[in-house]
């Protein structure tokens, strides 16, 4: 059985030889930053369609799920 993954802002994915962090998530578009190491803040900001972004993540590993914000 395949589990579905919901994209969330702040997620960090390991894709082959780079890391990808979702910085802005809309209904049909994703803004993300790709970088070579987790320790380096230097990276490239990019925008793409959600469909293309999901293709980019094919075979990638989720490293960090964003922390849920408690509602008071």
PDB file of N, CA and C in Angstrom:
ATOM      1  N   UNK A   1       0.839  -1.182   0.000  1.00  0.00           N
ATOM      2  CA  UNK A   1       0.000   0.000   0.000  1.00  0.00           C
ATOM      3  C   UNK A   1       0.885   1.246   0.000  1.00  0.00           C
ATOM      4  N   UNK A   2       0.630   2.180  -0.899  1.00  0.00           N
ATOM      5  CA  UNK A   2       1.413   3.392  -0.994  1.00  0.00           C
ATOM      6  C   UNK A   2       0.818   4.472  -0.114  1.00  0.00           C
ATOM      7  N   UNK A   3       1.661   5.121   0.649  1.00  0.00           N
ATOM      8  CA  UNK A   3       1.215   6.236   1.492  1.00  0.00           C
ATOM      9  C   UNK A   3       1.337   7.526   0.689  1.00  0.00           C
ATOM     10  N   UNK A   4       0.370   8.401   0.811  1.00  0.00           N
ATOM     11  CA  UNK A   4       0.438   9.674   0.109  1.00  0.00           C
ATOM     12  C   UNK A   4       1.116  10.697   1.021  1.00  0.00           C
ATOM     13  N   UNK A   5       1.908  11.537   0.417  1.00  0.00           N
ATOM     14  CA  UNK A   5       2.636  12.555   1.155  1.00  0.00           C
ATOM     15  C   UNK A   5       2.061  13.908   0.800  1.00  0.00           C
ATOM     16  N   UNK A   6       1.734  14.692   1.791  1.00  0.00           N
ATOM     17  CA  UNK A   6       1.214  16.025   1.555  1.00  0.00           C
ATOM     18  C   UNK A   6       2.361  17.023   1.635  1.00  0.00           C
ATOM     19  N   UNK A   7       2.508  17.830   0.611  1.00  0.00           N
ATOM     20  CA  UNK A   7       3.548  18.846   0.610  1.00  0.00           C
ATOM     21  C   UNK A   7       3.192  19.933   1.609  1.00  0.00           C
ATOM     22  N   UNK A   8       4.217  20.396   2.341  1.00  0.00           N
ATOM     23  CA  UNK A   8       4.032  21.471   3.311  1.00  0.00           C
ATOM     24  C   UNK A   8       5.208  22.425   3.230  1.00  0.00           C
ATOM     25  N   UNK A   9       4.926  23.684   3.492  1.00  0.00           N
ATOM     26  CA  UNK A   9       5.982  24.677   3.503  1.00  0.00           C
ATOM     27  C   UNK A   9       6.976  24.336   4.611  1.00  0.00           C
ATOM     28  N   UNK A  10       8.251  24.425   4.313  1.00  0.00           N
ATOM     29  CA  UNK A  10       9.290  24.138   5.293  1.00  0.00           C
ATOM     30  C   UNK A  10       9.879  22.739   5.200  1.00  0.00           C
ATOM     31  N   UNK A  11       9.266  21.869   4.406  1.00  0.00           N
ATOM     32  CA  UNK A  11       9.812  20.521   4.257  1.00  0.00           C
ATOM     33  C   UNK A  11      11.170  20.577   3.565  1.00  0.00           C
ATOM     34  N   UNK A  12      12.069  19.676   3.981  1.00  0.00           N
ATOM     35  CA  UNK A  12      13.381  19.558   3.360  1.00  0.00           C
ATOM     36  C   UNK A  12      13.501  18.158   2.778  1.00  0.00           C
ATOM     37  N   UNK A  13      13.859  18.081   1.510  1.00  0.00           N
ATOM     38  CA  UNK A  13      13.976  16.822   0.786  1.00  0.00           C
ATOM     39  C   UNK A  13      15.402  16.629   0.311  1.00  0.00           C
ATOM     40  N   UNK A  14      15.881  15.397   0.330  1.00  0.00           N
ATOM     41  CA  UNK A  14      17.188  15.021  -0.210  1.00  0.00           C
ATOM     42  C   UNK A  14      16.935  14.407  -1.587  1.00  0.00           C
ATOM     43  N   UNK A  15      17.395  15.105  -2.629  1.00  0.00           N
ATOM     44  CA  UNK A  15      17.222  14.657  -4.009  1.00  0.00           C
ATOM     45  C   UNK A  15      18.593  14.425  -4.619  1.00  0.00           C
ATOM     46  N   UNK A  16      18.964  13.194  -4.833  1.00  0.00           N
ATOM     47  CA  UNK A  16      20.254  12.819  -5.446  1.00  0.00           C
ATOM     48  C   UNK A  16      21.414  13.529  -4.754  1.00  0.00           C
ATOM     49  N   UNK A  17      21.984  14.563  -5.377  1.00  0.00           N
ATOM     50  CA  UNK A  17      23.147  15.231  -4.799  1.00  0.00           C
ATOM     51  C   UNK A  17      22.842  16.637  -4.279  1.00  0.00           C
ATOM     52  N   UNK A  18      21.572  16.961  -4.046  1.00  0.00           N
ATOM     53  CA  UNK A  18      21.214  18.272  -3.517  1.00  0.00           C
ATOM     54  C   UNK A  18      20.049  18.171  -2.541  1.00  0.00           C
ATOM     55  N   UNK A  19      19.835  19.246  -1.803  1.00  0.00           N
ATOM     56  CA  UNK A  19      18.725  19.342  -0.872  1.00  0.00           C
ATOM     57  C   UNK A  19      17.748  20.387  -1.400  1.00  0.00           C
ATOM     58  N   UNK A  20      16.466  20.176  -1.141  1.00  0.00           N
ATOM     59  CA  UNK A  20      15.424  21.081  -1.609  1.00  0.00           C
ATOM     60  C   UNK A  20      14.520  21.415  -0.433  1.00  0.00           C
ATOM     61  N   UNK A  21      14.307  22.721  -0.191  1.00  0.00           N
ATOM     62  CA  UNK A  21      13.401  23.157   0.879  1.00  0.00           C
ATOM     63  C   UNK A  21      12.251  23.951   0.264  1.00  0.00           C
ATOM     64  N   UNK A  22      11.032  23.600   0.622  1.00  0.00           N
ATOM     65  CA  UNK A  22       9.850  24.308   0.131  1.00  0.00           C
ATOM     66  C   UNK A  22       9.741  25.617   0.911  1.00  0.00           C
ATOM     67  N   UNK A  23       9.799  26.744   0.201  1.00  0.00           N
ATOM     68  CA  UNK A  23       9.718  28.037   0.861  1.00  0.00           C
ATOM     69  C   UNK A  23       8.365  28.725   0.647  1.00  0.00           C
ATOM     70  N   UNK A  24       7.673  28.358  -0.413  1.00  0.00           N
ATOM     71  CA  UNK A  24       6.356  28.950  -0.677  1.00  0.00           C
ATOM     72  C   UNK A  24       5.513  27.929  -1.432  1.00  0.00           C
ATOM     73  N   UNK A  25       4.337  27.682  -0.915  1.00  0.00           N
ATOM     74  CA  UNK A  25       3.473  26.660  -1.513  1.00  0.00           C
ATOM     75  C   UNK A  25       2.115  27.260  -1.817  1.00  0.00           C
ATOM     76  N   UNK A  26       1.724  27.171  -3.077  1.00  0.00           N
ATOM     77  CA  UNK A  26       0.407  27.619  -3.523  1.00  0.00           C
ATOM     78  C   UNK A  26      -0.331  26.448  -4.137  1.00  0.00           C
ATOM     79  N   UNK A  27      -1.524  26.712  -4.592  1.00  0.00           N
ATOM     80  CA  UNK A  27      -2.357  25.645  -5.147  1.00  0.00           C
ATOM     81  C   UNK A  27      -1.706  24.979  -6.351  1.00  0.00           C
ATOM     82  N   UNK A  28      -1.149  25.770  -7.273  1.00  0.00           N
ATOM     83  CA  UNK A  28      -0.588  25.222  -8.506  1.00  0.00           C
ATOM     84  C   UNK A  28       0.902  25.500  -8.682  1.00  0.00           C
ATOM     85  N   UNK A  29       1.521  26.189  -7.727  1.00  0.00           N
ATOM     86  CA  UNK A  29       2.915  26.586  -7.882  1.00  0.00           C
ATOM     87  C   UNK A  29       3.682  26.367  -6.586  1.00  0.00           C
ATOM     88  N   UNK A  30       4.967  26.046  -6.729  1.00  0.00           N
ATOM     89  CA  UNK A  30       5.837  25.828  -5.575  1.00  0.00           C
ATOM     90  C   UNK A  30       7.080  26.687  -5.740  1.00  0.00           C
ATOM     91  N   UNK A  31       7.414  27.417  -4.673  1.00  0.00           N
ATOM     92  CA  UNK A  31       8.686  28.129  -4.619  1.00  0.00           C
ATOM     93  C   UNK A  31       9.606  27.315  -3.723  1.00  0.00           C
ATOM     94  N   UNK A  32      10.801  27.032  -4.197  1.00  0.00           N
ATOM     95  CA  UNK A  32      11.712  26.210  -3.411  1.00  0.00           C
ATOM     96  C   UNK A  32      13.137  26.724  -3.539  1.00  0.00           C
ATOM     97  N   UNK A  33      13.967  26.298  -2.598  1.00  0.00           N
ATOM     98  CA  UNK A  33      15.371  26.665  -2.597  1.00  0.00           C
ATOM     99  C   UNK A  33      16.172  25.381  -2.660  1.00  0.00           C
ATOM    100  N   UNK A  34      17.098  25.300  -3.596  1.00  0.00           N
ATOM    101  CA  UNK A  34      17.953  24.117  -3.706  1.00  0.00           C
ATOM    102  C   UNK A  34      19.364  24.500  -3.292  1.00  0.00           C
ATOM    103  N   UNK A  35      20.009  23.608  -2.551  1.00  0.00           N
ATOM    104  CA  UNK A  35      21.358  23.866  -2.084  1.00  0.00           C
ATOM    105  C   UNK A  35      22.118  22.563  -1.935  1.00  0.00           C
ATOM    106  N   UNK A  36      23.458  22.668  -1.918  1.00  0.00           N
ATOM    107  CA  UNK A  36      24.329  21.489  -1.922  1.00  0.00           C
ATOM    108  C   UNK A  36      24.469  20.851  -0.535  1.00  0.00           C
ATOM    109  N   UNK A  37      24.553  21.656   0.527  1.00  0.00           N
ATOM    110  CA  UNK A  37      24.697  21.112   1.879  1.00  0.00           C
ATOM    111  C   UNK A  37      23.686  21.766   2.802  1.00  0.00           C
ATOM    112  N   UNK A  38      23.321  21.065   3.856  1.00  0.00           N
ATOM    113  CA  UNK A  38      22.370  21.610   4.826  1.00  0.00           C
ATOM    114  C   UNK A  38      22.989  22.721   5.661  1.00  0.00           C
ATOM    115  N   UNK A  39      24.297  22.719   5.806  1.00  0.00           N
ATOM    116  CA  UNK A  39      24.982  23.709   6.644  1.00  0.00           C
ATOM    117  C   UNK A  39      25.161  25.049   5.949  1.00  0.00           C
ATOM    118  N   UNK A  40      25.119  25.062   4.649  1.00  0.00           N
ATOM    119  CA  UNK A  40      25.334  26.289   3.886  1.00  0.00           C
ATOM    120  C   UNK A  40      23.998  26.988   3.610  1.00  0.00           C
ATOM    121  N   UNK A  41      23.890  28.277   3.960  1.00  0.00           N
ATOM    122  CA  UNK A  41      22.655  29.004   3.663  1.00  0.00           C
ATOM    123  C   UNK A  41      22.558  29.442   2.202  1.00  0.00           C
ATOM    124  N   UNK A  42      23.630  29.279   1.449  1.00  0.00           N
ATOM    125  CA  UNK A  42      23.647  29.696   0.048  1.00  0.00           C
ATOM    126  C   UNK A  42      22.914  28.676  -0.817  1.00  0.00           C
ATOM    127  N   UNK A  43      22.037  29.189  -1.659  1.00  0.00           N
ATOM    128  CA  UNK A  43      21.291  28.304  -2.543  1.00  0.00           C
ATOM    129  C   UNK A  43      20.586  29.101  -3.612  1.00  0.00           C
ATOM    130  N   UNK A  44      19.837  28.407  -4.440  1.00  0.00           N
ATOM    131  CA  UNK A  44      19.151  29.027  -5.568  1.00  0.00           C
ATOM    132  C   UNK A  44      17.645  28.922  -5.347  1.00  0.00           C
ATOM    133  N   UNK A  45      16.962  30.079  -5.396  1.00  0.00           N
ATOM    134  CA  UNK A  45      15.500  30.096  -5.300  1.00  0.00           C
ATOM    135  C   UNK A  45      14.917  29.849  -6.682  1.00  0.00           C
ATOM    136  N   UNK A  46      13.894  28.986  -6.740  1.00  0.00           N
ATOM    137  CA  UNK A  46      13.264  28.664  -8.009  1.00  0.00           C
ATOM    138  C   UNK A  46      11.759  28.528  -7.813  1.00  0.00           C
ATOM    139  N   UNK A  47      11.009  28.706  -8.887  1.00  0.00           N
ATOM    140  CA  UNK A  47       9.565  28.503  -8.902  1.00  0.00           C
ATOM    141  C   UNK A  47       9.236  27.524 -10.016  1.00  0.00           C
ATOM    142  N   UNK A  48       8.265  26.660  -9.756  1.00  0.00           N
ATOM    143  CA  UNK A  48       7.829  25.716 -10.772  1.00  0.00           C
ATOM    144  C   UNK A  48       6.392  25.311 -10.468  1.00  0.00           C
ATOM    145  N   UNK A  49       5.789  24.596 -11.391  1.00  0.00           N
ATOM    146  CA  UNK A  49       4.437  24.102 -11.149  1.00  0.00           C
ATOM    147  C   UNK A  49       4.503  22.969 -10.120  1.00  0.00           C
ATOM    148  N   UNK A  50       3.403  22.747  -9.439  1.00  0.00           N
ATOM    149  CA  UNK A  50       3.363  21.685  -8.441  1.00  0.00           C
ATOM    150  C   UNK A  50       3.592  20.325  -9.094  1.00  0.00           C
ATOM    151  N   UNK A  51       3.089  20.152 -10.296  1.00  0.00           N
ATOM    152  CA  UNK A  51       3.255  18.888 -11.017  1.00  0.00           C
ATOM    153  C   UNK A  51       4.738  18.619 -11.302  1.00  0.00           C
ATOM    154  N   UNK A  52       5.449  19.636 -11.791  1.00  0.00           N
ATOM    155  CA  UNK A  52       6.882  19.466 -12.063  1.00  0.00           C
ATOM    156  C   UNK A  52       7.675  19.266 -10.770  1.00  0.00           C
ATOM    157  N   UNK A  53       7.264  19.945  -9.701  1.00  0.00           N
ATOM    158  CA  UNK A  53       7.948  19.787  -8.423  1.00  0.00           C
ATOM    159  C   UNK A  53       7.800  18.356  -7.894  1.00  0.00           C
ATOM    160  N   UNK A  54       6.631  17.791  -8.041  1.00  0.00           N
ATOM    161  CA  UNK A  54       6.415  16.401  -7.605  1.00  0.00           C
ATOM    162  C   UNK A  54       7.272  15.441  -8.434  1.00  0.00           C
ATOM    163  N   UNK A  55       7.449  15.733  -9.703  1.00  0.00           N
ATOM    164  CA  UNK A  55       8.346  14.921 -10.537  1.00  0.00           C
ATOM    165  C   UNK A  55       9.786  15.036 -10.048  1.00  0.00           C
ATOM    166  N   UNK A  56      10.188  16.241  -9.627  1.00  0.00           N
ATOM    167  CA  UNK A  56      11.519  16.455  -9.083  1.00  0.00           C
ATOM    168  C   UNK A  56      11.739  15.624  -7.821  1.00  0.00           C
ATOM    169  N   UNK A  57      10.695  15.476  -7.006  1.00  0.00           N
ATOM    170  CA  UNK A  57      10.805  14.750  -5.746  1.00  0.00           C
ATOM    171  C   UNK A  57      10.707  13.236  -5.895  1.00  0.00           C
ATOM    172  N   UNK A  58      10.442  12.763  -7.094  1.00  0.00           N
ATOM    173  CA  UNK A  58      10.312  11.317  -7.292  1.00  0.00           C
ATOM    174  C   UNK A  58      11.620  10.631  -6.891  1.00  0.00           C
ATOM    175  N   UNK A  59      11.536   9.731  -5.933  1.00  0.00           N
ATOM    176  CA  UNK A  59      12.703   9.027  -5.422  1.00  0.00           C
ATOM    177  C   UNK A  59      13.443   9.792  -4.333  1.00  0.00           C
ATOM    178  N   UNK A  60      12.963  10.966  -3.957  1.00  0.00           N
ATOM    179  CA  UNK A  60      13.617  11.772  -2.920  1.00  0.00           C
ATOM    180  C   UNK A  60      13.186  11.306  -1.531  1.00  0.00           C
ATOM    181  N   UNK A  61      13.949  11.735  -0.526  1.00  0.00           N
ATOM    182  CA  UNK A  61      13.678  11.362   0.864  1.00  0.00           C
ATOM    183  C   UNK A  61      13.354  12.610   1.669  1.00  0.00           C
ATOM    184  N   UNK A  62      12.256  12.571   2.410  1.00  0.00           N
ATOM    185  CA  UNK A  62      11.877  13.672   3.284  1.00  0.00           C
ATOM    186  C   UNK A  62      12.770  13.639   4.511  1.00  0.00           C
ATOM    187  N   UNK A  63      13.480  14.741   4.771  1.00  0.00           N
ATOM    188  CA  UNK A  63      14.393  14.800   5.911  1.00  0.00           C
ATOM    189  C   UNK A  63      13.762  15.403   7.145  1.00  0.00           C
ATOM    190  N   UNK A  64      12.958  16.428   6.955  1.00  0.00           N
ATOM    191  CA  UNK A  64      12.424  17.141   8.096  1.00  0.00           C
ATOM    192  C   UNK A  64      11.000  17.599   7.807  1.00  0.00           C
ATOM    193  N   UNK A  65      10.079  17.191   8.671  1.00  0.00           N
ATOM    194  CA  UNK A  65       8.708  17.663   8.545  1.00  0.00           C
ATOM    195  C   UNK A  65       8.571  18.926   9.358  1.00  0.00           C
ATOM    196  N   UNK A  66       7.876  19.950   8.856  1.00  0.00           N
ATOM    197  CA  UNK A  66       7.716  21.178   9.628  1.00  0.00           C
ATOM    198  C   UNK A  66       6.935  20.921  10.896  1.00  0.00           C
ATOM    199  N   UNK A  67       7.279  21.662  11.917  1.00  0.00           N
ATOM    200  CA  UNK A  67       6.582  21.509  13.192  1.00  0.00           C
ATOM    201  C   UNK A  67       5.206  22.141  13.104  1.00  0.00           C
ATOM    202  N   UNK A  68       4.215  21.435  13.638  1.00  0.00           N
ATOM    203  CA  UNK A  68       2.841  21.944  13.600  1.00  0.00           C
ATOM    204  C   UNK A  68       2.705  23.104  14.582  1.00  0.00           C
ATOM    205  N   UNK A  69       1.961  24.112  14.178  1.00  0.00           N
ATOM    206  CA  UNK A  69       1.733  25.263  15.026  1.00  0.00           C
ATOM    207  C   UNK A  69       0.484  25.004  15.842  1.00  0.00           C
ATOM    208  N   UNK A  70       0.609  25.122  17.159  1.00  0.00           N
ATOM    209  CA  UNK A  70      -0.528  24.866  18.045  1.00  0.00           C
ATOM    210  C   UNK A  70      -1.484  26.060  17.988  1.00  0.00           C
ATOM    211  N   UNK A  71      -2.755  25.775  17.833  1.00  0.00           N
ATOM    212  CA  UNK A  71      -3.778  26.823  17.800  1.00  0.00           C
ATOM    213  C   UNK A  71      -4.343  26.986  19.204  1.00  0.00           C
ATOM    214  N   UNK A  72      -4.393  28.230  19.632  1.00  0.00           N
ATOM    215  CA  UNK A  72      -4.920  28.492  20.981  1.00  0.00           C
ATOM    216  C   UNK A  72      -6.269  29.133  20.906  1.00  0.00           C
TER     217      UNK A  72
END
